Amino acid sequence: MKTSYFARIKSRDDLNLVSISRTAPPGWNHKQFKKLAPDWEALKAFKSNGDEERFTNYFKKFILDELDAEKVLAELGEDAVLVCWEGADKFCHRRIVAEWLEEQLDIEVPELMRSE
């Protein structure tokens, strides 16, 4: 499993791409897994206050704590690439998800590089 963002992967049909955001780009024809997406209220609050710690705590408590990491992995597949909107250099919930999966399943979930 890896992570990336929409602008980097465009429409790579050779990858098991899974959107974990509330929305996907027009024409997105890959899986969407909104159970791993932050809710609009949390996103709006983060955009207005920029408090990464508060957002992370909220996301873990109200999103991730409600899920079973083994079931998520089984449903998405070990080869899934979890994608959302923010670039690799920005704070983003996909890295929170990646760290949660790493902790829960003792796996590595790195960011997909351009050449992969």
PDB file of N, CA and C in Angstrom:
ATOM      1  N   MET A   1       0.850  -1.170   0.000  1.00  0.00           N
ATOM      2  CA  MET A   1       0.000   0.000   0.000  1.00  0.00           C
ATOM      3  C   MET A   1       0.895   1.232   0.000  1.00  0.00           C
ATOM      4  N   LYS A   2       0.431   2.258  -0.715  1.00  0.00           N
ATOM      5  CA  LYS A   2       1.158   3.523  -0.796  1.00  0.00           C
ATOM      6  C   LYS A   2       0.151   4.665  -0.762  1.00  0.00           C
ATOM      7  N   THR A   3       0.672   5.894  -0.747  1.00  0.00           N
ATOM      8  CA  THR A   3      -0.181   7.071  -0.838  1.00  0.00           C
ATOM      9  C   THR A   3       0.318   7.965  -1.959  1.00  0.00           C
ATOM     10  N   SER A   4      -0.566   8.832  -2.436  1.00  0.00           N
ATOM     11  CA  SER A   4      -0.200   9.818  -3.448  1.00  0.00           C
ATOM     12  C   SER A   4      -1.302  10.870  -3.514  1.00  0.00           C
ATOM     13  N   TYR A   5      -1.249  11.697  -4.542  1.00  0.00           N
ATOM     14  CA  TYR A   5      -2.283  12.719  -4.704  1.00  0.00           C
ATOM     15  C   TYR A   5      -2.683  12.797  -6.172  1.00  0.00           C
ATOM     16  N   PHE A   6      -3.880  13.308  -6.392  1.00  0.00           N
ATOM     17  CA  PHE A   6      -4.485  13.286  -7.723  1.00  0.00           C
ATOM     18  C   PHE A   6      -3.585  13.876  -8.805  1.00  0.00           C
ATOM     19  N   ALA A   7      -2.980  15.023  -8.564  1.00  0.00           N
ATOM     20  CA  ALA A   7      -2.166  15.679  -9.587  1.00  0.00           C
ATOM     21  C   ALA A   7      -0.948  14.842  -9.979  1.00  0.00           C
ATOM     22  N   ARG A   8      -0.437  14.058  -9.067  1.00  0.00           N
ATOM     23  CA  ARG A   8       0.741  13.240  -9.366  1.00  0.00           C
ATOM     24  C   ARG A   8       0.387  12.008 -10.191  1.00  0.00           C
ATOM     25  N   ILE A   9      -0.710  11.369  -9.895  1.00  0.00           N
ATOM     26  CA  ILE A   9      -0.996  10.090 -10.535  1.00  0.00           C
ATOM     27  C   ILE A   9      -1.888  10.210 -11.771  1.00  0.00           C
ATOM     28  N   LYS A  10      -2.512  11.372 -11.922  1.00  0.00           N
ATOM     29  CA  LYS A  10      -3.427  11.603 -13.050  1.00  0.00           C
ATOM     30  C   LYS A  10      -4.373  10.408 -13.183  1.00  0.00           C
ATOM     31  N   SER A  11      -4.345   9.698 -14.287  1.00  0.00           N
ATOM     32  CA  SER A  11      -5.268   8.569 -14.472  1.00  0.00           C
ATOM     33  C   SER A  11      -4.487   7.301 -14.799  1.00  0.00           C
ATOM     34  N   ARG A  12      -3.599   6.924 -13.919  1.00  0.00           N
ATOM     35  CA  ARG A  12      -2.782   5.724 -14.148  1.00  0.00           C
ATOM     36  C   ARG A  12      -3.626   4.480 -13.956  1.00  0.00           C
ATOM     37  N   ASP A  13      -3.954   3.846 -15.034  1.00  0.00           N
ATOM     38  CA  ASP A  13      -4.772   2.642 -14.968  1.00  0.00           C
ATOM     39  C   ASP A  13      -3.986   1.414 -14.533  1.00  0.00           C
ATOM     40  N   ASP A  14      -2.663   1.541 -14.438  1.00  0.00           N
ATOM     41  CA  ASP A  14      -1.836   0.408 -14.018  1.00  0.00           C
ATOM     42  C   ASP A  14      -1.754   0.281 -12.499  1.00  0.00           C
ATOM     43  N   LEU A  15      -2.397   1.186 -11.769  1.00  0.00           N
ATOM     44  CA  LEU A  15      -2.353   1.179 -10.311  1.00  0.00           C
ATOM     45  C   LEU A  15      -3.749   0.968  -9.733  1.00  0.00           C
ATOM     46  N   ASN A  16      -3.800   0.382  -8.543  1.00  0.00           N
ATOM     47  CA  ASN A  16      -5.048   0.216  -7.804  1.00  0.00           C
ATOM     48  C   ASN A  16      -5.298   1.502  -7.023  1.00  0.00           C
ATOM     49  N   LEU A  17      -5.771   2.526  -7.722  1.00  0.00           N
ATOM     50  CA  LEU A  17      -5.977   3.845  -7.129  1.00  0.00           C
ATOM     51  C   LEU A  17      -7.275   3.880  -6.331  1.00  0.00           C
ATOM     52  N   VAL A  18      -7.196   4.477  -5.136  1.00  0.00           N
ATOM     53  CA  VAL A  18      -8.358   4.580  -4.264  1.00  0.00           C
ATOM     54  C   VAL A  18      -8.424   5.999  -3.718  1.00  0.00           C
ATOM     55  N   SER A  19      -9.460   6.728  -4.087  1.00  0.00           N
ATOM     56  CA  SER A  19      -9.674   8.065  -3.549  1.00  0.00           C
ATOM     57  C   SER A  19     -10.160   7.942  -2.112  1.00  0.00           C
ATOM     58  N   ILE A  20      -9.501   8.686  -1.206  1.00  0.00           N
ATOM     59  CA  ILE A  20      -9.961   8.715   0.190  1.00  0.00           C
ATOM     60  C   ILE A  20     -10.361  10.144   0.570  1.00  0.00           C
ATOM     61  N   SER A  21     -10.834  10.882  -0.417  1.00  0.00           N
ATOM     62  CA  SER A  21     -11.295  12.247  -0.172  1.00  0.00           C
ATOM     63  C   SER A  21     -12.813  12.301  -0.339  1.00  0.00           C
ATOM     64  N   ARG A  22     -13.403  13.406   0.076  1.00  0.00           N
ATOM     65  CA  ARG A  22     -14.857  13.565  -0.055  1.00  0.00           C
ATOM     66  C   ARG A  22     -15.258  13.640  -1.518  1.00  0.00           C
ATOM     67  N   THR A  23     -14.381  14.194  -2.347  1.00  0.00           N
ATOM     68  CA  THR A  23     -14.655  14.313  -3.779  1.00  0.00           C
ATOM     69  C   THR A  23     -13.454  13.796  -4.557  1.00  0.00           C
ATOM     70  N   ALA A  24     -13.684  13.511  -5.815  1.00  0.00           N
ATOM     71  CA  ALA A  24     -12.611  13.077  -6.715  1.00  0.00           C
ATOM     72  C   ALA A  24     -12.662  13.962  -7.963  1.00  0.00           C
ATOM     73  N   PRO A  25     -11.583  13.987  -8.729  1.00  0.00           N
ATOM     74  CA  PRO A  25     -11.580  14.812  -9.934  1.00  0.00           C
ATOM     75  C   PRO A  25     -12.647  14.345 -10.935  1.00  0.00           C
ATOM     76  N   PRO A  26     -13.099  15.241 -11.784  1.00  0.00           N
ATOM     77  CA  PRO A  26     -14.053  14.843 -12.827  1.00  0.00           C
ATOM     78  C   PRO A  26     -13.478  13.685 -13.644  1.00  0.00           C
ATOM     79  N   GLY A  27     -14.314  12.719 -13.949  1.00  0.00           N
ATOM     80  CA  GLY A  27     -13.891  11.579 -14.741  1.00  0.00           C
ATOM     81  C   GLY A  27     -13.166  10.494 -13.964  1.00  0.00           C
ATOM     82  N   TRP A  28     -13.077  10.629 -12.632  1.00  0.00           N
ATOM     83  CA  TRP A  28     -12.403   9.616 -11.823  1.00  0.00           C
ATOM     84  C   TRP A  28     -13.122   8.287 -11.999  1.00  0.00           C
ATOM     85  N   ASN A  29     -12.409   7.277 -12.482  1.00  0.00           N
ATOM     86  CA  ASN A  29     -13.047   5.983 -12.730  1.00  0.00           C
ATOM     87  C   ASN A  29     -12.425   4.869 -11.883  1.00  0.00           C
ATOM     88  N   HIS A  30     -11.866   5.257 -10.765  1.00  0.00           N
ATOM     89  CA  HIS A  30     -11.268   4.310  -9.839  1.00  0.00           C
ATOM     90  C   HIS A  30     -12.103   4.255  -8.564  1.00  0.00           C
ATOM     91  N   LYS A  31     -11.724   3.371  -7.670  1.00  0.00           N
ATOM     92  CA  LYS A  31     -12.455   3.183  -6.421  1.00  0.00           C
ATOM     93  C   LYS A  31     -12.429   4.460  -5.573  1.00  0.00           C
ATOM     94  N   GLN A  32     -13.520   4.659  -4.834  1.00  0.00           N
ATOM     95  CA  GLN A  32     -13.583   5.704  -3.818  1.00  0.00           C
ATOM     96  C   GLN A  32     -13.909   5.030  -2.491  1.00  0.00           C
ATOM     97  N   PHE A  33     -13.207   5.419  -1.446  1.00  0.00           N
ATOM     98  CA  PHE A  33     -13.407   4.836  -0.122  1.00  0.00           C
ATOM     99  C   PHE A  33     -13.595   5.983   0.862  1.00  0.00           C
ATOM    100  N   LYS A  34     -14.822   6.476   0.923  1.00  0.00           N
ATOM    101  CA  LYS A  34     -15.114   7.674   1.708  1.00  0.00           C
ATOM    102  C   LYS A  34     -15.085   7.451   3.208  1.00  0.00           C
ATOM    103  N   LYS A  35     -14.997   6.184   3.632  1.00  0.00           N
ATOM    104  CA  LYS A  35     -14.866   5.914   5.068  1.00  0.00           C
ATOM    105  C   LYS A  35     -13.570   6.510   5.619  1.00  0.00           C
ATOM    106  N   LEU A  36     -12.575   6.726   4.759  1.00  0.00           N
ATOM    107  CA  LEU A  36     -11.300   7.309   5.177  1.00  0.00           C
ATOM    108  C   LEU A  36     -11.204   8.801   4.868  1.00  0.00           C
ATOM    109  N   ALA A  37     -12.305   9.395   4.489  1.00  0.00           N
ATOM    110  CA  ALA A  37     -12.311  10.827   4.159  1.00  0.00           C
ATOM    111  C   ALA A  37     -12.740  11.646   5.376  1.00  0.00           C
ATOM    112  N   PRO A  38     -12.128  12.802   5.568  1.00  0.00           N
ATOM    113  CA  PRO A  38     -12.589  13.677   6.659  1.00  0.00           C
ATOM    114  C   PRO A  38     -13.951  14.275   6.312  1.00  0.00           C
ATOM    115  N   ASP A  39     -14.726  14.580   7.326  1.00  0.00           N
ATOM    116  CA  ASP A  39     -16.024  15.207   7.060  1.00  0.00           C
ATOM    117  C   ASP A  39     -15.826  16.687   6.744  1.00  0.00           C
ATOM    118  N   TRP A  40     -16.842  17.283   6.114  1.00  0.00           N
ATOM    119  CA  TRP A  40     -16.751  18.681   5.669  1.00  0.00           C
ATOM    120  C   TRP A  40     -16.509  19.636   6.825  1.00  0.00           C
ATOM    121  N   GLU A  41     -17.157  19.399   7.949  1.00  0.00           N
ATOM    122  CA  GLU A  41     -16.999  20.305   9.094  1.00  0.00           C
ATOM    123  C   GLU A  41     -15.554  20.325   9.592  1.00  0.00           C
ATOM    124  N   ALA A  42     -14.941  19.152   9.685  1.00  0.00           N
ATOM    125  CA  ALA A  42     -13.543  19.088  10.122  1.00  0.00           C
ATOM    126  C   ALA A  42     -12.629  19.784   9.112  1.00  0.00           C
ATOM    127  N   LEU A  43     -12.901  19.582   7.836  1.00  0.00           N
ATOM    128  CA  LEU A  43     -12.099  20.245   6.796  1.00  0.00           C
ATOM    129  C   LEU A  43     -12.237  21.760   6.866  1.00  0.00           C
ATOM    130  N   LYS A  44     -13.468  22.224   7.012  1.00  0.00           N
ATOM    131  CA  LYS A  44     -13.695  23.671   7.100  1.00  0.00           C
ATOM    132  C   LYS A  44     -12.980  24.253   8.310  1.00  0.00           C
ATOM    133  N   ALA A  45     -13.072  23.574   9.439  1.00  0.00           N
ATOM    134  CA  ALA A  45     -12.407  24.060  10.654  1.00  0.00           C
ATOM    135  C   ALA A  45     -10.895  24.104  10.452  1.00  0.00           C
ATOM    136  N   PHE A  46     -10.333  23.067   9.840  1.00  0.00           N
ATOM    137  CA  PHE A  46      -8.892  23.060   9.613  1.00  0.00           C
ATOM    138  C   PHE A  46      -8.472  24.166   8.652  1.00  0.00           C
ATOM    139  N   LYS A  47      -9.242  24.361   7.593  1.00  0.00           N
ATOM    140  CA  LYS A  47      -8.905  25.415   6.625  1.00  0.00           C
ATOM    141  C   LYS A  47      -8.939  26.795   7.271  1.00  0.00           C
ATOM    142  N   SER A  48      -9.822  26.975   8.262  1.00  0.00           N
ATOM    143  CA  SER A  48      -9.914  28.289   8.887  1.00  0.00           C
ATOM    144  C   SER A  48      -8.873  28.503   9.987  1.00  0.00           C
ATOM    145  N   ASN A  49      -8.495  27.423  10.725  1.00  0.00           N
ATOM    146  CA  ASN A  49      -7.563  27.640  11.835  1.00  0.00           C
ATOM    147  C   ASN A  49      -6.181  27.023  11.620  1.00  0.00           C
ATOM    148  N   GLY A  50      -6.037  26.111  10.662  1.00  0.00           N
ATOM    149  CA  GLY A  50      -4.735  25.516  10.359  1.00  0.00           C
ATOM    150  C   GLY A  50      -4.132  24.690  11.484  1.00  0.00           C
ATOM    151  N   ASP A  51      -4.944  24.286  12.446  1.00  0.00           N
ATOM    152  CA  ASP A  51      -4.452  23.551  13.605  1.00  0.00           C
ATOM    153  C   ASP A  51      -4.311  22.063  13.261  1.00  0.00           C
ATOM    154  N   GLU A  52      -3.097  21.656  12.872  1.00  0.00           N
ATOM    155  CA  GLU A  52      -2.843  20.284  12.446  1.00  0.00           C
ATOM    156  C   GLU A  52      -3.070  19.279  13.578  1.00  0.00           C
ATOM    157  N   GLU A  53      -2.644  19.617  14.780  1.00  0.00           N
ATOM    158  CA  GLU A  53      -2.803  18.697  15.908  1.00  0.00           C
ATOM    159  C   GLU A  53      -4.282  18.461  16.226  1.00  0.00           C
ATOM    160  N   ARG A  54      -5.045  19.529  16.231  1.00  0.00           N
ATOM    161  CA  ARG A  54      -6.482  19.400  16.508  1.00  0.00           C
ATOM    162  C   ARG A  54      -7.170  18.550  15.442  1.00  0.00           C
ATOM    163  N   PHE A  55      -6.849  18.815  14.170  1.00  0.00           N
ATOM    164  CA  PHE A  55      -7.434  18.041  13.071  1.00  0.00           C
ATOM    165  C   PHE A  55      -7.042  16.568  13.205  1.00  0.00           C
ATOM    166  N   THR A  56      -5.767  16.299  13.473  1.00  0.00           N
ATOM    167  CA  THR A  56      -5.284  14.922  13.603  1.00  0.00           C
ATOM    168  C   THR A  56      -6.011  14.193  14.718  1.00  0.00           C
ATOM    169  N   ASN A  57      -6.131  14.830  15.873  1.00  0.00           N
ATOM    170  CA  ASN A  57      -6.832  14.211  17.003  1.00  0.00           C
ATOM    171  C   ASN A  57      -8.287  13.925  16.655  1.00  0.00           C
ATOM    172  N   TYR A  58      -8.946  14.883  16.020  1.00  0.00           N
ATOM    173  CA  TYR A  58     -10.341  14.704  15.610  1.00  0.00           C
ATOM    174  C   TYR A  58     -10.458  13.553  14.626  1.00  0.00           C
ATOM    175  N   PHE A  59      -9.603  13.546  13.620  1.00  0.00           N
ATOM    176  CA  PHE A  59      -9.662  12.536  12.568  1.00  0.00           C
ATOM    177  C   PHE A  59      -9.441  11.133  13.140  1.00  0.00           C
ATOM    178  N   LYS A  60      -8.491  11.010  14.032  1.00  0.00           N
ATOM    179  CA  LYS A  60      -8.238   9.706  14.643  1.00  0.00           C
ATOM    180  C   LYS A  60      -9.444   9.249  15.466  1.00  0.00           C
ATOM    181  N   LYS A  61      -9.975  10.157  16.289  1.00  0.00           N
ATOM    182  CA  LYS A  61     -11.068   9.790  17.196  1.00  0.00           C
ATOM    183  C   LYS A  61     -12.369   9.471  16.463  1.00  0.00           C
ATOM    184  N   PHE A  62     -12.730  10.310  15.494  1.00  0.00           N
ATOM    185  CA  PHE A  62     -14.047  10.175  14.874  1.00  0.00           C
ATOM    186  C   PHE A  62     -14.063   9.429  13.545  1.00  0.00           C
ATOM    187  N   ILE A  63     -12.911   9.205  12.965  1.00  0.00           N
ATOM    188  CA  ILE A  63     -12.859   8.460  11.700  1.00  0.00           C
ATOM    189  C   ILE A  63     -12.123   7.133  11.909  1.00  0.00           C
ATOM    190  N   LEU A  64     -10.853   7.205  12.241  1.00  0.00           N
ATOM    191  CA  LEU A  64     -10.033   5.991  12.288  1.00  0.00           C
ATOM    192  C   LEU A  64     -10.412   5.050  13.431  1.00  0.00           C
ATOM    193  N   ASP A  65     -10.754   5.591  14.588  1.00  0.00           N
ATOM    194  CA  ASP A  65     -11.119   4.727  15.711  1.00  0.00           C
ATOM    195  C   ASP A  65     -12.406   3.941  15.448  1.00  0.00           C
ATOM    196  N   GLU A  66     -13.154   4.343  14.439  1.00  0.00           N
ATOM    197  CA  GLU A  66     -14.394   3.648  14.076  1.00  0.00           C
ATOM    198  C   GLU A  66     -14.157   2.523  13.072  1.00  0.00           C
ATOM    199  N   LEU A  67     -12.917   2.388  12.600  1.00  0.00           N
ATOM    200  CA  LEU A  67     -12.607   1.415  11.553  1.00  0.00           C
ATOM    201  C   LEU A  67     -11.668   0.331  12.058  1.00  0.00           C
ATOM    202  N   ASP A  68     -11.676  -0.784  11.364  1.00  0.00           N
ATOM    203  CA  ASP A  68     -10.780  -1.892  11.634  1.00  0.00           C
ATOM    204  C   ASP A  68      -9.742  -1.910  10.510  1.00  0.00           C
ATOM    205  N   ALA A  69      -8.476  -1.692  10.853  1.00  0.00           N
ATOM    206  CA  ALA A  69      -7.415  -1.583   9.852  1.00  0.00           C
ATOM    207  C   ALA A  69      -7.290  -2.849   9.003  1.00  0.00           C
ATOM    208  N   GLU A  70      -7.453  -4.011   9.600  1.00  0.00           N
ATOM    209  CA  GLU A  70      -7.356  -5.256   8.838  1.00  0.00           C
ATOM    210  C   GLU A  70      -8.463  -5.343   7.797  1.00  0.00           C
ATOM    211  N   LYS A  71      -9.667  -4.926   8.164  1.00  0.00           N
ATOM    212  CA  LYS A  71     -10.779  -4.949   7.204  1.00  0.00           C
ATOM    213  C   LYS A  71     -10.562  -3.928   6.093  1.00  0.00           C
ATOM    214  N   VAL A  72     -10.019  -2.762   6.438  1.00  0.00           N
ATOM    215  CA  VAL A  72      -9.721  -1.741   5.428  1.00  0.00           C
ATOM    216  C   VAL A  72      -8.709  -2.288   4.428  1.00  0.00           C
ATOM    217  N   LEU A  73      -7.642  -2.883   4.923  1.00  0.00           N
ATOM    218  CA  LEU A  73      -6.625  -3.453   4.044  1.00  0.00           C
ATOM    219  C   LEU A  73      -7.213  -4.549   3.167  1.00  0.00           C
ATOM    220  N   ALA A  74      -8.028  -5.415   3.742  1.00  0.00           N
ATOM    221  CA  ALA A  74      -8.639  -6.500   2.976  1.00  0.00           C
ATOM    222  C   ALA A  74      -9.549  -5.950   1.878  1.00  0.00           C
ATOM    223  N   GLU A  75     -10.292  -4.914   2.186  1.00  0.00           N
ATOM    224  CA  GLU A  75     -11.219  -4.348   1.200  1.00  0.00           C
ATOM    225  C   GLU A  75     -10.497  -3.601   0.079  1.00  0.00           C
ATOM    226  N   LEU A  76      -9.420  -2.881   0.431  1.00  0.00           N
ATOM    227  CA  LEU A  76      -8.728  -2.065  -0.567  1.00  0.00           C
ATOM    228  C   LEU A  76      -7.637  -2.822  -1.309  1.00  0.00           C
ATOM    229  N   GLY A  77      -7.008  -3.774  -0.664  1.00  0.00           N
ATOM    230  CA  GLY A  77      -5.931  -4.547  -1.267  1.00  0.00           C
ATOM    231  C   GLY A  77      -4.569  -4.017  -0.875  1.00  0.00           C
ATOM    232  N   GLU A  78      -3.611  -4.928  -0.762  1.00  0.00           N
ATOM    233  CA  GLU A  78      -2.256  -4.551  -0.365  1.00  0.00           C
ATOM    234  C   GLU A  78      -1.588  -3.640  -1.383  1.00  0.00           C
ATOM    235  N   ASP A  79      -2.064  -3.658  -2.629  1.00  0.00           N
ATOM    236  CA  ASP A  79      -1.462  -2.842  -3.686  1.00  0.00           C
ATOM    237  C   ASP A  79      -2.159  -1.492  -3.869  1.00  0.00           C
ATOM    238  N   ALA A  80      -3.091  -1.154  -2.987  1.00  0.00           N
ATOM    239  CA  ALA A  80      -3.840   0.102  -3.123  1.00  0.00           C
ATOM    240  C   ALA A  80      -2.918   1.313  -2.988  1.00  0.00           C
ATOM    241  N   VAL A  81      -3.242   2.351  -3.772  1.00  0.00           N
ATOM    242  CA  VAL A  81      -2.580   3.646  -3.661  1.00  0.00           C
ATOM    243  C   VAL A  81      -3.664   4.628  -3.208  1.00  0.00           C
ATOM    244  N   LEU A  82      -3.571   5.070  -1.959  1.00  0.00           N
ATOM    245  CA  LEU A  82      -4.570   5.966  -1.374  1.00  0.00           C
ATOM    246  C   LEU A  82      -4.275   7.387  -1.819  1.00  0.00           C
ATOM    247  N   VAL A  83      -5.245   8.024  -2.459  1.00  0.00           N
ATOM    248  CA  VAL A  83      -5.010   9.351  -3.012  1.00  0.00           C
ATOM    249  C   VAL A  83      -6.050  10.362  -2.545  1.00  0.00           C
ATOM    250  N   CYS A  84      -5.596  11.621  -2.486  1.00  0.00           N
ATOM    251  CA  CYS A  84      -6.477  12.743  -2.195  1.00  0.00           C
ATOM    252  C   CYS A  84      -5.892  13.982  -2.874  1.00  0.00           C
ATOM    253  N   TRP A  85      -6.256  15.155  -2.436  1.00  0.00           N
ATOM    254  CA  TRP A  85      -5.950  16.386  -3.157  1.00  0.00           C
ATOM    255  C   TRP A  85      -4.613  17.042  -2.832  1.00  0.00           C
ATOM    256  N   GLU A  86      -4.178  16.979  -1.592  1.00  0.00           N
ATOM    257  CA  GLU A  86      -3.001  17.754  -1.172  1.00  0.00           C
ATOM    258  C   GLU A  86      -1.702  17.182  -1.717  1.00  0.00           C
ATOM    259  N   GLY A  87      -0.801  18.062  -2.124  1.00  0.00           N
ATOM    260  CA  GLY A  87       0.510  17.650  -2.607  1.00  0.00           C
ATOM    261  C   GLY A  87       1.334  17.012  -1.501  1.00  0.00           C
ATOM    262  N   ALA A  88       2.415  16.352  -1.887  1.00  0.00           N
ATOM    263  CA  ALA A  88       3.254  15.617  -0.934  1.00  0.00           C
ATOM    264  C   ALA A  88       3.911  16.529   0.097  1.00  0.00           C
ATOM    265  N   ASP A  89       4.046  17.797  -0.217  1.00  0.00           N
ATOM    266  CA  ASP A  89       4.713  18.721   0.705  1.00  0.00           C
ATOM    267  C   ASP A  89       3.744  19.429   1.657  1.00  0.00           C
ATOM    268  N   LYS A  90       2.475  19.043   1.639  1.00  0.00           N
ATOM    269  CA  LYS A  90       1.464  19.685   2.480  1.00  0.00           C
ATOM    270  C   LYS A  90       0.946  18.715   3.541  1.00  0.00           C
ATOM    271  N   PHE A  91       0.474  19.279   4.647  1.00  0.00           N
ATOM    272  CA  PHE A  91      -0.195  18.478   5.664  1.00  0.00           C
ATOM    273  C   PHE A  91      -1.433  17.862   5.035  1.00  0.00           C
ATOM    274  N   CYS A  92      -1.637  16.569   5.283  1.00  0.00           N
ATOM    275  CA  CYS A  92      -2.773  15.910   4.644  1.00  0.00           C
ATOM    276  C   CYS A  92      -3.227  14.700   5.452  1.00  0.00           C
ATOM    277  N   HIS A  93      -4.515  14.434   5.403  1.00  0.00           N
ATOM    278  CA  HIS A  93      -5.067  13.306   6.144  1.00  0.00           C
ATOM    279  C   HIS A  93      -4.584  11.962   5.621  1.00  0.00           C
ATOM    280  N   ARG A  94      -4.138  11.883   4.373  1.00  0.00           N
ATOM    281  CA  ARG A  94      -3.700  10.576   3.858  1.00  0.00           C
ATOM    282  C   ARG A  94      -2.468  10.081   4.603  1.00  0.00           C
ATOM    283  N   ARG A  95      -1.626  10.997   5.068  1.00  0.00           N
ATOM    284  CA  ARG A  95      -0.466  10.570   5.850  1.00  0.00           C
ATOM    285  C   ARG A  95      -0.897  10.132   7.256  1.00  0.00           C
ATOM    286  N   ILE A  96      -1.970  10.717   7.783  1.00  0.00           N
ATOM    287  CA  ILE A  96      -2.530  10.256   9.065  1.00  0.00           C
ATOM    288  C   ILE A  96      -3.041   8.827   8.883  1.00  0.00           C
ATOM    289  N   VAL A  97      -3.730   8.591   7.780  1.00  0.00           N
ATOM    290  CA  VAL A  97      -4.230   7.252   7.467  1.00  0.00           C
ATOM    291  C   VAL A  97      -3.060   6.280   7.316  1.00  0.00           C
ATOM    292  N   ALA A  98      -2.032   6.702   6.580  1.00  0.00           N
ATOM    293  CA  ALA A  98      -0.866   5.842   6.364  1.00  0.00           C
ATOM    294  C   ALA A  98      -0.211   5.469   7.698  1.00  0.00           C
ATOM    295  N   GLU A  99      -0.036   6.438   8.575  1.00  0.00           N
ATOM    296  CA  GLU A  99       0.588   6.170   9.876  1.00  0.00           C
ATOM    297  C   GLU A  99      -0.278   5.237  10.719  1.00  0.00           C
ATOM    298  N   TRP A 100      -1.582   5.408  10.641  1.00  0.00           N
ATOM    299  CA  TRP A 100      -2.515   4.529  11.358  1.00  0.00           C
ATOM    300  C   TRP A 100      -2.384   3.097  10.849  1.00  0.00           C
ATOM    301  N   LEU A 101      -2.372   2.925   9.534  1.00  0.00           N
ATOM    302  CA  LEU A 101      -2.217   1.587   8.967  1.00  0.00           C
ATOM    303  C   LEU A 101      -0.867   0.977   9.362  1.00  0.00           C
ATOM    304  N   GLU A 102       0.169   1.785   9.340  1.00  0.00           N
ATOM    305  CA  GLU A 102       1.497   1.303   9.729  1.00  0.00           C
ATOM    306  C   GLU A 102       1.500   0.819  11.177  1.00  0.00           C
ATOM    307  N   GLU A 103       0.900   1.604  12.066  1.00  0.00           N
ATOM    308  CA  GLU A 103       0.854   1.251  13.484  1.00  0.00           C
ATOM    309  C   GLU A 103      -0.017   0.025  13.740  1.00  0.00           C
ATOM    310  N   GLN A 104      -1.169  -0.004  13.102  1.00  0.00           N
ATOM    311  CA  GLN A 104      -2.120  -1.084  13.344  1.00  0.00           C
ATOM    312  C   GLN A 104      -1.695  -2.411  12.724  1.00  0.00           C
ATOM    313  N   LEU A 105      -1.026  -2.349  11.570  1.00  0.00           N
ATOM    314  CA  LEU A 105      -0.746  -3.569  10.809  1.00  0.00           C
ATOM    315  C   LEU A 105       0.732  -3.906  10.698  1.00  0.00           C
ATOM    316  N   ASP A 106       1.579  -3.068  11.261  1.00  0.00           N
ATOM    317  CA  ASP A 106       3.018  -3.268  11.182  1.00  0.00           C
ATOM    318  C   ASP A 106       3.480  -3.414   9.729  1.00  0.00           C
ATOM    319  N   ILE A 107       3.060  -2.454   8.902  1.00  0.00           N
ATOM    320  CA  ILE A 107       3.454  -2.400   7.498  1.00  0.00           C
ATOM    321  C   ILE A 107       4.013  -1.014   7.211  1.00  0.00           C
ATOM    322  N   GLU A 108       4.604  -0.835   6.046  1.00  0.00           N
ATOM    323  CA  GLU A 108       5.038   0.485   5.596  1.00  0.00           C
ATOM    324  C   GLU A 108       4.069   0.974   4.533  1.00  0.00           C
ATOM    325  N   VAL A 109       3.710   2.250   4.615  1.00  0.00           N
ATOM    326  CA  VAL A 109       2.823   2.865   3.635  1.00  0.00           C
ATOM    327  C   VAL A 109       3.502   4.159   3.171  1.00  0.00           C
ATOM    328  N   PRO A 110       4.441   4.054   2.230  1.00  0.00           N
ATOM    329  CA  PRO A 110       5.176   5.229   1.777  1.00  0.00           C
ATOM    330  C   PRO A 110       4.401   6.039   0.740  1.00  0.00           C
ATOM    331  N   GLU A 111       4.893   7.232   0.496  1.00  0.00           N
ATOM    332  CA  GLU A 111       4.358   8.096  -0.561  1.00  0.00           C
ATOM    333  C   GLU A 111       4.917   7.593  -1.902  1.00  0.00           C
ATOM    334  N   LEU A 112       4.051   7.430  -2.875  1.00  0.00           N
ATOM    335  CA  LEU A 112       4.444   6.998  -4.214  1.00  0.00           C
ATOM    336  C   LEU A 112       5.275   8.079  -4.870  1.00  0.00           C
ATOM    337  N   MET A 113       6.395   7.699  -5.419  1.00  0.00           N
ATOM    338  CA  MET A 113       7.265   8.641  -6.110  1.00  0.00           C
ATOM    339  C   MET A 113       6.903   8.690  -7.596  1.00  0.00           C
ATOM    340  N   ARG A 114       7.294   9.748  -8.258  1.00  0.00           N
ATOM    341  CA  ARG A 114       6.956   9.958  -9.671  1.00  0.00           C
ATOM    342  C   ARG A 114       7.357   8.799 -10.569  1.00  0.00           C
ATOM    343  N   SER A 115       8.533   8.234 -10.344  1.00  0.00           N
ATOM    344  CA  SER A 115       9.057   7.223 -11.250  1.00  0.00           C
ATOM    345  C   SER A 115       8.455   5.835 -11.049  1.00  0.00           C
ATOM    346  N   GLU A 116       7.662   5.672  -9.990  1.00  0.00           N
ATOM    347  CA  GLU A 116       7.108   4.339  -9.724  1.00  0.00           C
ATOM    348  C   GLU A 116       5.915   4.061 -10.605  1.00  0.00           C
TER     349      GLU A 116
END
